[in-house]
Every structure is written in C-alpha cells, then in structure tokens.
Amino acid sequence: MNNYEAIFARKSVRHYLMEELPAETLDQIEIYSREVLSLFGGMETECRVISRSDRAVGASGMFSVTAPYYLALYSEPHDKSLMNAGFIMEQIALYMCTIGLGTCFIGRNILKKSWQVHRDKEFAVLLAFGKSRDSHVRKPIEARRMGMDELCVYKEVPRQWMKQLLEAARMAPSSMNSQPWRFVVYDNRIHIFSKKRGSDELNRLEELNFGIMFANMMVVAEELWLDVDLIRLDELSQKNFPNNQYVLSAILRP
C-alpha cells in the first residue's frame, strides 16, 4: 500500500493497543515528517513524537482518544499555519497507514501548557497513533461521506483525472465528519469553496480540515503525474457568494 491507496483505506482509529513501537519505526516517522511537502512555502514547521509516558496530553472529555503515542506539529505563526499543518499531518497519517499503524486527528487542543511551544514554534495539530485494537483500514464503501452530487457543481464534463482528484477530496476526514467543502468543476480546474457558517473567516477546525483535504488531492496528483497548482484566484477572492466562501482553486498546468 502507498499513500494514494491509503486515502481510500484509512479510517480514524480511536482504540489502541498500549504497546510500545520499535525505535526504528518511531525514527522512520520522524524522518518522514521532516521530508513531507508543505502547502505553503517559507513556513517552518517541526513534528515531535510524544509518548503516553511523557504525560503531555490532558483529558479531552467525551471525544478523548487514549493512544500510546501522539505526533504534535508545531509551526511558525502565520494566518494559514493551521491549513498548512493539516496538509502536512494528513500526509504523515497516510504514511502511518501504509506501515500498519492506526491514527486519529485530535480536534481539541489537549496538550499541557508546557508542551504548547517547541523551539519558538507554536502547537498546531495533534495526531494519535499506534497499533489499532482492530483493523486500521476499511473498504471505501464503508466510509460515511456525502455523494459527489451533493458536493459538486459541474460546469463541464470532468476528465477521469478530475474525478480521481474529487474522489480523494471526498474521502478526506473532517472534524465531526462535517465535510465543509464544495466544488465547482470545470474541464481543467476545480474551484473549492467552504460552506458559510456566519463568518467570512474559516474557523480553526475548518482550516485544518481543508489542509487535510488538499493533501489528499495533491497525493493523487503525484500518483497520476499531474502538474496541479493550488492557488487563490483574485477574481474569485473579490466576489461575494451568498452561501459559500471561496478558498482555493486546483488548476492543471498544461
């Protein structure tokens, strides 16, 4: 299994075996985290493996996930640092799936105060991981996701590569399975919107959600050898849409 295949097989794991992982496996994860691509350039990030024995994670109530390990991502302060963090962490979660580990994004900030800053970088997102009690994968049909017709408006008949990008985006995990994204689809581009929720700004969780979804799209682009740019178009940024907020566009380079 590679990262592309993991998009359709990975599931969020909430129950783990409290077993230590080999030091070699933890080293592989840290190495991979240093090599993974960012969504936005010029933004320094760093990942840190946290063991349950470090007692860095506090209680998180009814949505708590107790795992033998957590991966914390820290970032330089930036208005898009959370989206960038989601983009990076999803690639790592997919990689962990390929090596047989379960993962779950932690939506709430449950790191203790002394762990909130690392090397002048601020905490952004936490991923629980370890060996799953049950299977860490599932069949794509078992994923509870909206259908394409609910998520997409088709302005032109999409090509096959476009369908694969959209399917990977549809499969992306999101907080409370909210699936906030909507897509306007053309022959060689996808305009990506967020459902409006009474604010002109994406909230913290939605920033992470979109970063995760963009990672899925770019993993597919790499798998299919497509040159796809994720960019923000001025002409759409300046428009007011009644029900949706413009986020980015995925455009195929000729």
C-alpha atoms as a PDB file:
ATOM      1  CA  MET A   1       0.000   0.000   0.000  1.00  0.00           C
ATOM      2  CA  ASN A   2       1.214   3.507  -0.826  1.00  0.00           C
ATOM      3  CA  ASN A   3      -0.132   6.905   0.273  1.00  0.00           C
ATOM      4  CA  TYR A   4      -2.530   7.056  -2.688  1.00  0.00           C
ATOM      5  CA  GLU A   5      -4.094   3.711  -1.791  1.00  0.00           C
ATOM      6  CA  ALA A   6      -4.187   4.700   1.889  1.00  0.00           C
ATOM      7  CA  ILE A   7      -6.532   7.620   1.062  1.00  0.00           C
ATOM      8  CA  PHE A   8      -9.302   5.115   0.333  1.00  0.00           C
ATOM      9  CA  ALA A   9      -8.404   2.561   3.029  1.00  0.00           C
ATOM     10  CA  ARG A  10      -7.508   4.631   6.103  1.00  0.00           C
ATOM     11  CA  LYS A  11     -10.031   5.132   8.877  1.00  0.00           C
ATOM     12  CA  SER A  12      -9.869   7.094  12.127  1.00  0.00           C
ATOM     13  CA  VAL A  13      -8.834   4.757  14.946  1.00  0.00           C
ATOM     14  CA  ARG A  14      -9.992   5.536  18.490  1.00  0.00           C
ATOM     15  CA  HIS A  15      -8.974   2.344  20.284  1.00  0.00           C
ATOM     16  CA  TYR A  16      -5.347   1.276  20.538  1.00  0.00           C
ATOM     17  CA  LEU A  17      -3.177  -1.417  21.998  1.00  0.00           C
ATOM     18  CA  MET A  18      -0.962   0.221  24.599  1.00  0.00           C
ATOM     19  CA  GLU A  19       2.165  -1.343  23.138  1.00  0.00           C
ATOM     20  CA  GLU A  20       5.496   0.310  22.541  1.00  0.00           C
ATOM     21  CA  LEU A  21       6.583   0.632  18.936  1.00  0.00           C
ATOM     22  CA  PRO A  22      10.106  -0.292  17.845  1.00  0.00           C
ATOM     23  CA  ALA A  23      12.552   2.612  17.994  1.00  0.00           C
ATOM     24  CA  GLU A  24      13.197   2.068  14.286  1.00  0.00           C
ATOM     25  CA  THR A  25       9.517   2.716  13.496  1.00  0.00           C
ATOM     26  CA  LEU A  26       9.477   5.953  15.501  1.00  0.00           C
ATOM     27  CA  ASP A  27      12.681   7.039  13.738  1.00  0.00           C
ATOM     28  CA  GLN A  28      11.056   6.345  10.347  1.00  0.00           C
ATOM     29  CA  ILE A  29       8.084   8.523  11.285  1.00  0.00           C
ATOM     30  CA  GLU A  30      10.304  11.408  12.385  1.00  0.00           C
ATOM     31  CA  ILE A  31      12.389  11.156   9.193  1.00  0.00           C
ATOM     32  CA  TYR A  32       9.266  11.111   7.037  1.00  0.00           C
ATOM     33  CA  SER A  33       7.830  14.115   8.879  1.00  0.00           C
ATOM     34  CA  ARG A  34      10.943  16.131   8.001  1.00  0.00           C
ATOM     35  CA  GLU A  35      10.692  15.260   4.299  1.00  0.00           C
ATOM     36  CA  VAL A  36       6.964  15.794   3.721  1.00  0.00           C
ATOM     37  CA  LEU A  37       5.877  18.658   1.468  1.00  0.00           C
ATOM     38  CA  SER A  38       4.234  21.839   2.783  1.00  0.00           C
ATOM     39  CA  LEU A  39       1.213  23.552   1.271  1.00  0.00           C
ATOM     40  CA  PHE A  40       2.750  26.997   1.678  1.00  0.00           C
ATOM     41  CA  GLY A  41       6.441  27.726   1.281  1.00  0.00           C
ATOM     42  CA  GLY A  42       8.533  29.711   3.721  1.00  0.00           C
ATOM     43  CA  MET A  43       6.678  28.478   6.811  1.00  0.00           C
ATOM     44  CA  GLU A  44       8.867  26.494   9.193  1.00  0.00           C
ATOM     45  CA  THR A  45       7.289  23.513  10.961  1.00  0.00           C
ATOM     46  CA  GLU A  46       8.506  20.716  13.184  1.00  0.00           C
ATOM     47  CA  CYS A  47       6.960  17.462  14.377  1.00  0.00           C
ATOM     48  CA  ARG A  48       7.525  15.869  17.769  1.00  0.00           C
ATOM     49  CA  VAL A  49       6.661  12.318  18.820  1.00  0.00           C
ATOM     50  CA  ILE A  50       5.083  12.248  22.279  1.00  0.00           C
ATOM     51  CA  SER A  51       4.805   9.049  24.275  1.00  0.00           C
ATOM     52  CA  ARG A  52       1.892   8.499  26.650  1.00  0.00           C
ATOM     53  CA  SER A  53       4.504   8.148  29.385  1.00  0.00           C
ATOM     54  CA  ASP A  54       5.502  11.796  28.799  1.00  0.00           C
ATOM     55  CA  ARG A  55       2.168  12.824  30.363  1.00  0.00           C
ATOM     56  CA  ALA A  56       1.919  15.732  27.929  1.00  0.00           C
ATOM     57  CA  VAL A  57      -1.702  15.096  26.958  1.00  0.00           C
ATOM     58  CA  GLY A  58      -4.556  16.068  29.235  1.00  0.00           C
ATOM     59  CA  ALA A  59      -8.123  14.799  29.354  1.00  0.00           C
ATOM     60  CA  SER A  60     -10.347  15.750  26.423  1.00  0.00           C
ATOM     61  CA  GLY A  61     -13.812  14.706  27.594  1.00  0.00           C
ATOM     62  CA  MET A  62     -16.234  12.606  25.581  1.00  0.00           C
ATOM     63  CA  PHE A  63     -14.126  12.819  22.432  1.00  0.00           C
ATOM     64  CA  SER A  64     -10.924  11.680  24.119  1.00  0.00           C
ATOM     65  CA  VAL A  65      -8.613   9.272  22.339  1.00  0.00           C
ATOM     66  CA  THR A  66      -6.139   7.415  24.509  1.00  0.00           C
ATOM     67  CA  ALA A  67      -3.196   6.220  22.441  1.00  0.00           C
ATOM     68  CA  PRO A  68       0.327   5.014  23.180  1.00  0.00           C
ATOM     69  CA  TYR A  69       1.756   7.842  21.061  1.00  0.00           C
ATOM     70  CA  TYR A  70       0.862  11.257  19.696  1.00  0.00           C
ATOM     71  CA  LEU A  71       2.504  13.318  16.995  1.00  0.00           C
ATOM     72  CA  ALA A  72       2.446  17.066  17.628  1.00  0.00           C
ATOM     73  CA  LEU A  73       3.084  19.514  14.804  1.00  0.00           C
ATOM     74  CA  TYR A  74       4.461  22.955  15.652  1.00  0.00           C
ATOM     75  CA  SER A  75       4.547  25.885  13.255  1.00  0.00           C
ATOM     76  CA  GLU A  76       5.749  29.433  12.909  1.00  0.00           C
ATOM     77  CA  PRO A  77       2.823  31.824  13.485  1.00  0.00           C
ATOM     78  CA  HIS A  78       1.053  32.556  10.193  1.00  0.00           C
ATOM     79  CA  ASP A  79      -2.507  33.224   9.096  1.00  0.00           C
ATOM     80  CA  LYS A  80      -2.511  29.910   7.158  1.00  0.00           C
ATOM     81  CA  SER A  81      -0.424  27.850   9.590  1.00  0.00           C
ATOM     82  CA  LEU A  82      -3.332  25.591  10.533  1.00  0.00           C
ATOM     83  CA  MET A  83      -4.209  24.788   6.927  1.00  0.00           C
ATOM     84  CA  ASN A  84      -0.552  24.061   6.276  1.00  0.00           C
ATOM     85  CA  ALA A  85      -0.431  21.873   9.406  1.00  0.00           C
ATOM     86  CA  GLY A  86      -3.416  19.823   8.234  1.00  0.00           C
ATOM     87  CA  PHE A  87      -1.787  19.388   4.824  1.00  0.00           C
ATOM     88  CA  ILE A  88       1.431  18.073   6.379  1.00  0.00           C
ATOM     89  CA  MET A  89      -0.206  15.885   9.022  1.00  0.00           C
ATOM     90  CA  GLU A  90      -2.549  14.133   6.587  1.00  0.00           C
ATOM     91  CA  GLN A  91       0.426  13.002   4.518  1.00  0.00           C
ATOM     92  CA  ILE A  92       2.020  11.617   7.677  1.00  0.00           C
ATOM     93  CA  ALA A  93      -1.244   9.893   8.672  1.00  0.00           C
ATOM     94  CA  LEU A  94      -1.413   8.247   5.246  1.00  0.00           C
ATOM     95  CA  TYR A  95       2.199   7.128   5.578  1.00  0.00           C
ATOM     96  CA  MET A  96       1.488   5.638   9.006  1.00  0.00           C
ATOM     97  CA  CYS A  97      -1.423   3.730   7.480  1.00  0.00           C
ATOM     98  CA  THR A  98       0.939   2.203   4.905  1.00  0.00           C
ATOM     99  CA  ILE A  99       3.174   0.826   7.680  1.00  0.00           C
ATOM    100  CA  GLY A 100       0.288  -0.716   9.593  1.00  0.00           C
ATOM    101  CA  LEU A 101      -0.456   1.956  12.205  1.00  0.00           C
ATOM    102  CA  GLY A 102      -3.787   3.451  13.185  1.00  0.00           C
ATOM    103  CA  THR A 103      -4.205   7.219  13.507  1.00  0.00           C
ATOM    104  CA  CYS A 104      -6.780   9.769  14.626  1.00  0.00           C
ATOM    105  CA  PHE A 105      -6.737  13.555  14.386  1.00  0.00           C
ATOM    106  CA  ILE A 106      -7.396  15.218  17.733  1.00  0.00           C
ATOM    107  CA  GLY A 107      -9.677  18.197  17.184  1.00  0.00           C
ATOM    108  CA  ARG A 108      -9.198  19.827  20.586  1.00  0.00           C
ATOM    109  CA  ASN A 109      -6.005  21.300  21.958  1.00  0.00           C
ATOM    110  CA  ILE A 110      -5.321  18.958  24.873  1.00  0.00           C
ATOM    111  CA  LEU A 111      -1.565  19.432  25.190  1.00  0.00           C
ATOM    112  CA  LYS A 112      -0.480  20.665  28.582  1.00  0.00           C
ATOM    113  CA  LYS A 113       0.802  24.233  28.773  1.00  0.00           C
ATOM    114  CA  SER A 114       4.475  23.265  28.981  1.00  0.00           C
ATOM    115  CA  TRP A 115       4.143  21.475  25.608  1.00  0.00           C
ATOM    116  CA  GLN A 116       2.413  24.323  23.746  1.00  0.00           C
ATOM    117  CA  VAL A 117       5.632  25.794  22.328  1.00  0.00           C
ATOM    118  CA  HIS A 118       8.617  23.972  20.865  1.00  0.00           C
ATOM    119  CA  ARG A 119      11.759  25.726  19.577  1.00  0.00           C
ATOM    120  CA  ASP A 120       9.883  29.043  19.183  1.00  0.00           C
ATOM    121  CA  LYS A 121       7.123  27.347  17.193  1.00  0.00           C
ATOM    122  CA  GLU A 122       3.501  27.161  18.315  1.00  0.00           C
ATOM    123  CA  PHE A 123       1.478  23.970  18.606  1.00  0.00           C
ATOM    124  CA  ALA A 124      -0.905  23.462  15.667  1.00  0.00           C
ATOM    125  CA  VAL A 125      -2.328  19.930  15.470  1.00  0.00           C
ATOM    126  CA  LEU A 126      -2.131  16.587  17.266  1.00  0.00           C
ATOM    127  CA  LEU A 127      -2.374  13.088  15.787  1.00  0.00           C
ATOM    128  CA  ALA A 128      -2.910   9.994  17.972  1.00  0.00           C
ATOM    129  CA  PHE A 129      -1.207   6.870  16.639  1.00  0.00           C
ATOM    130  CA  GLY A 130      -0.196   3.328  17.455  1.00  0.00           C
ATOM    131  CA  LYS A 131      -1.256  -0.264  16.850  1.00  0.00           C
ATOM    132  CA  SER A 132      -5.024  -0.471  16.490  1.00  0.00           C
ATOM    133  CA  ARG A 133      -7.069  -2.899  18.584  1.00  0.00           C
ATOM    134  CA  ASP A 134      -8.976  -3.786  15.427  1.00  0.00           C
ATOM    135  CA  SER A 135      -8.213  -3.175  11.774  1.00  0.00           C
ATOM    136  CA  HIS A 136      -6.751   0.239  10.958  1.00  0.00           C
ATOM    137  CA  VAL A 137      -8.284   0.129   7.462  1.00  0.00           C
ATOM    138  CA  ARG A 138     -11.729  -0.299   5.927  1.00  0.00           C
ATOM    139  CA  LYS A 139     -13.316  -0.617   2.499  1.00  0.00           C
ATOM    140  CA  PRO A 140     -14.028   2.717   0.761  1.00  0.00           C
ATOM    141  CA  ILE A 141     -17.749   1.935   0.662  1.00  0.00           C
ATOM    142  CA  GLU A 142     -17.770   1.805   4.472  1.00  0.00           C
ATOM    143  CA  ALA A 143     -16.753   5.463   4.755  1.00  0.00           C
ATOM    144  CA  ARG A 144     -19.659   7.741   5.690  1.00  0.00           C
ATOM    145  CA  ARG A 145     -19.300  10.507   3.118  1.00  0.00           C
ATOM    146  CA  MET A 146     -21.614  12.675   1.042  1.00  0.00           C
ATOM    147  CA  GLY A 147     -22.020  11.732  -2.599  1.00  0.00           C
ATOM    148  CA  MET A 148     -20.401  13.666  -5.427  1.00  0.00           C
ATOM    149  CA  ASP A 149     -23.723  15.158  -6.492  1.00  0.00           C
ATOM    150  CA  GLU A 150     -24.063  16.781  -3.048  1.00  0.00           C
ATOM    151  CA  LEU A 151     -20.531  18.194  -3.105  1.00  0.00           C
ATOM    152  CA  CYS A 152     -20.037  19.241  -6.739  1.00  0.00           C
ATOM    153  CA  VAL A 153     -21.478  21.614  -9.292  1.00  0.00           C
ATOM    154  CA  TYR A 154     -20.352  20.530 -12.757  1.00  0.00           C
ATOM    155  CA  LYS A 155     -19.838  23.323 -15.271  1.00  0.00           C
ATOM    156  CA  GLU A 156     -18.137  20.986 -17.763  1.00  0.00           C
ATOM    157  CA  VAL A 157     -17.823  17.225 -18.100  1.00  0.00           C
ATOM    158  CA  PRO A 158     -14.881  16.262 -15.861  1.00  0.00           C
ATOM    159  CA  ARG A 159     -11.977  14.214 -17.181  1.00  0.00           C
ATOM    160  CA  GLN A 160     -11.002  10.958 -15.488  1.00  0.00           C
ATOM    161  CA  TRP A 161      -8.122  12.584 -13.593  1.00  0.00           C
ATOM    162  CA  MET A 162     -10.523  15.216 -12.318  1.00  0.00           C
ATOM    163  CA  LYS A 163     -12.845  12.523 -10.992  1.00  0.00           C
ATOM    164  CA  GLN A 164      -9.938  10.904  -9.143  1.00  0.00           C
ATOM    165  CA  LEU A 165      -8.953  14.211  -7.529  1.00  0.00           C
ATOM    166  CA  LEU A 166     -12.531  14.807  -6.438  1.00  0.00           C
ATOM    167  CA  GLU A 167     -12.968  11.297  -5.060  1.00  0.00           C
ATOM    168  CA  ALA A 168      -9.818  11.675  -2.953  1.00  0.00           C
ATOM    169  CA  ALA A 169     -11.112  15.021  -1.689  1.00  0.00           C
ATOM    170  CA  ARG A 170     -14.490  13.450  -0.867  1.00  0.00           C
ATOM    171  CA  MET A 171     -12.769  10.744   1.206  1.00  0.00           C
ATOM    172  CA  ALA A 172     -10.860  13.242   3.368  1.00  0.00           C
ATOM    173  CA  PRO A 173     -11.583  13.101   7.100  1.00  0.00           C
ATOM    174  CA  SER A 174     -13.023  16.215   8.727  1.00  0.00           C
ATOM    175  CA  SER A 175     -13.973  17.305  12.235  1.00  0.00           C
ATOM    176  CA  MET A 176     -17.292  15.690  13.240  1.00  0.00           C
ATOM    177  CA  ASN A 177     -17.405  14.424   9.626  1.00  0.00           C
ATOM    178  CA  SER A 178     -18.646  17.898   8.664  1.00  0.00           C
ATOM    179  CA  GLN A 179     -17.303  17.759   5.063  1.00  0.00           C
ATOM    180  CA  PRO A 180     -17.415  21.560   4.697  1.00  0.00           C
ATOM    181  CA  TRP A 181     -16.038  21.628   1.142  1.00  0.00           C
ATOM    182  CA  ARG A 182     -17.944  22.260  -2.054  1.00  0.00           C
ATOM    183  CA  PHE A 183     -16.515  22.068  -5.587  1.00  0.00           C
ATOM    184  CA  VAL A 184     -17.259  23.879  -8.833  1.00  0.00           C
ATOM    185  CA  VAL A 185     -15.837  21.640 -11.540  1.00  0.00           C
ATOM    186  CA  TYR A 186     -14.541  22.593 -14.993  1.00  0.00           C
ATOM    187  CA  ASP A 187     -12.557  20.680 -17.598  1.00  0.00           C
ATOM    188  CA  ASN A 188      -9.124  21.593 -16.230  1.00  0.00           C
ATOM    189  CA  ARG A 189      -9.780  23.250 -12.877  1.00  0.00           C
ATOM    190  CA  ILE A 190     -11.714  22.902  -9.640  1.00  0.00           C
ATOM    191  CA  HIS A 191     -12.792  25.922  -7.614  1.00  0.00           C
ATOM    192  CA  ILE A 192     -13.034  24.971  -3.946  1.00  0.00           C
ATOM    193  CA  PHE A 193     -15.433  26.603  -1.508  1.00  0.00           C
ATOM    194  CA  SER A 194     -16.375  26.295   2.144  1.00  0.00           C
ATOM    195  CA  LYS A 195     -19.967  26.405   3.310  1.00  0.00           C
ATOM    196  CA  LYS A 196     -20.596  29.726   5.049  1.00  0.00           C
ATOM    197  CA  ARG A 197     -21.305  29.481   8.768  1.00  0.00           C
ATOM    198  CA  GLY A 198     -21.986  33.108   9.642  1.00  0.00           C
ATOM    199  CA  SER A 199     -18.386  34.316   9.295  1.00  0.00           C
ATOM    200  CA  ASP A 200     -16.109  35.440   6.498  1.00  0.00           C
ATOM    201  CA  GLU A 201     -13.193  33.518   8.013  1.00  0.00           C
ATOM    202  CA  LEU A 202     -12.653  29.786   8.293  1.00  0.00           C
ATOM    203  CA  ASN A 203     -12.518  28.694  11.909  1.00  0.00           C
ATOM    204  CA  ARG A 204      -9.624  26.733  13.367  1.00  0.00           C
ATOM    205  CA  LEU A 205     -11.025  23.280  12.669  1.00  0.00           C
ATOM    206  CA  GLU A 206     -12.083  24.169   9.140  1.00  0.00           C
ATOM    207  CA  GLU A 207      -8.571  25.451   8.368  1.00  0.00           C
ATOM    208  CA  LEU A 208      -7.249  22.039   9.429  1.00  0.00           C
ATOM    209  CA  ASN A 209      -9.997  20.226   7.514  1.00  0.00           C
ATOM    210  CA  PHE A 210      -9.156  21.977   4.264  1.00  0.00           C
ATOM    211  CA  GLY A 211      -5.443  21.335   4.704  1.00  0.00           C
ATOM    212  CA  ILE A 212      -6.195  17.620   5.118  1.00  0.00           C
ATOM    213  CA  MET A 213      -8.402  17.588   2.031  1.00  0.00           C
ATOM    214  CA  PHE A 214      -5.821  19.449  -0.085  1.00  0.00           C
ATOM    215  CA  ALA A 215      -3.212  16.860   0.922  1.00  0.00           C
ATOM    216  CA  ASN A 216      -5.411  14.091  -0.474  1.00  0.00           C
ATOM    217  CA  MET A 217      -5.763  15.944  -3.761  1.00  0.00           C
ATOM    218  CA  MET A 218      -2.026  16.506  -4.121  1.00  0.00           C
ATOM    219  CA  VAL A 219      -1.213  12.878  -3.278  1.00  0.00           C
ATOM    220  CA  VAL A 220      -3.454  11.891  -6.199  1.00  0.00           C
ATOM    221  CA  ALA A 221      -1.784  14.474  -8.450  1.00  0.00           C
ATOM    222  CA  GLU A 222       1.607  12.976  -7.623  1.00  0.00           C
ATOM    223  CA  GLU A 223       0.347   9.426  -8.201  1.00  0.00           C
ATOM    224  CA  LEU A 224      -1.057  10.357 -11.628  1.00  0.00           C
ATOM    225  CA  TRP A 225       1.949  12.529 -12.598  1.00  0.00           C
ATOM    226  CA  LEU A 226      -0.215  15.624 -12.886  1.00  0.00           C
ATOM    227  CA  ASP A 227       1.102  19.169 -12.533  1.00  0.00           C
ATOM    228  CA  VAL A 228      -1.593  20.677 -10.333  1.00  0.00           C
ATOM    229  CA  ASP A 229      -1.314  24.083  -8.662  1.00  0.00           C
ATOM    230  CA  LEU A 230      -3.333  25.044  -5.605  1.00  0.00           C
ATOM    231  CA  ILE A 231      -3.711  28.799  -5.918  1.00  0.00           C
ATOM    232  CA  ARG A 232      -6.056  31.582  -4.853  1.00  0.00           C
ATOM    233  CA  LEU A 233      -7.535  33.481  -7.794  1.00  0.00           C
ATOM    234  CA  ASP A 234      -8.054  37.218  -7.327  1.00  0.00           C
ATOM    235  CA  GLU A 235     -11.178  37.346  -9.481  1.00  0.00           C
ATOM    236  CA  LEU A 236     -12.927  34.819  -7.220  1.00  0.00           C
ATOM    237  CA  SER A 237     -11.479  36.195  -3.990  1.00  0.00           C
ATOM    238  CA  GLN A 238     -13.140  39.536  -4.651  1.00  0.00           C
ATOM    239  CA  LYS A 239     -16.597  38.104  -5.315  1.00  0.00           C
ATOM    240  CA  ASN A 240     -19.280  37.708  -2.653  1.00  0.00           C
ATOM    241  CA  PHE A 241     -21.005  34.340  -2.747  1.00  0.00           C
ATOM    242  CA  PRO A 242     -24.223  34.115  -0.704  1.00  0.00           C
ATOM    243  CA  ASN A 243     -23.847  30.576   0.671  1.00  0.00           C
ATOM    244  CA  ASN A 244     -20.198  29.708   0.223  1.00  0.00           C
ATOM    245  CA  GLN A 245     -16.769  31.167   0.821  1.00  0.00           C
ATOM    246  CA  TYR A 246     -14.043  30.792  -1.799  1.00  0.00           C
ATOM    247  CA  VAL A 247     -10.901  29.040  -0.529  1.00  0.00           C
ATOM    248  CA  LEU A 248      -8.557  27.937  -3.356  1.00  0.00           C
ATOM    249  CA  SER A 249      -8.518  26.534  -6.888  1.00  0.00           C
ATOM    250  CA  ALA A 250      -6.861  23.366  -8.177  1.00  0.00           C
ATOM    251  CA  ILE A 251      -5.635  24.086 -11.690  1.00  0.00           C
ATOM    252  CA  LEU A 252      -3.962  21.653 -14.085  1.00  0.00           C
ATOM    253  CA  ARG A 253      -0.865  23.110 -15.700  1.00  0.00           C
ATOM    254  CA  PRO A 254      -0.608  22.433 -19.474  1.00  0.00           C
END
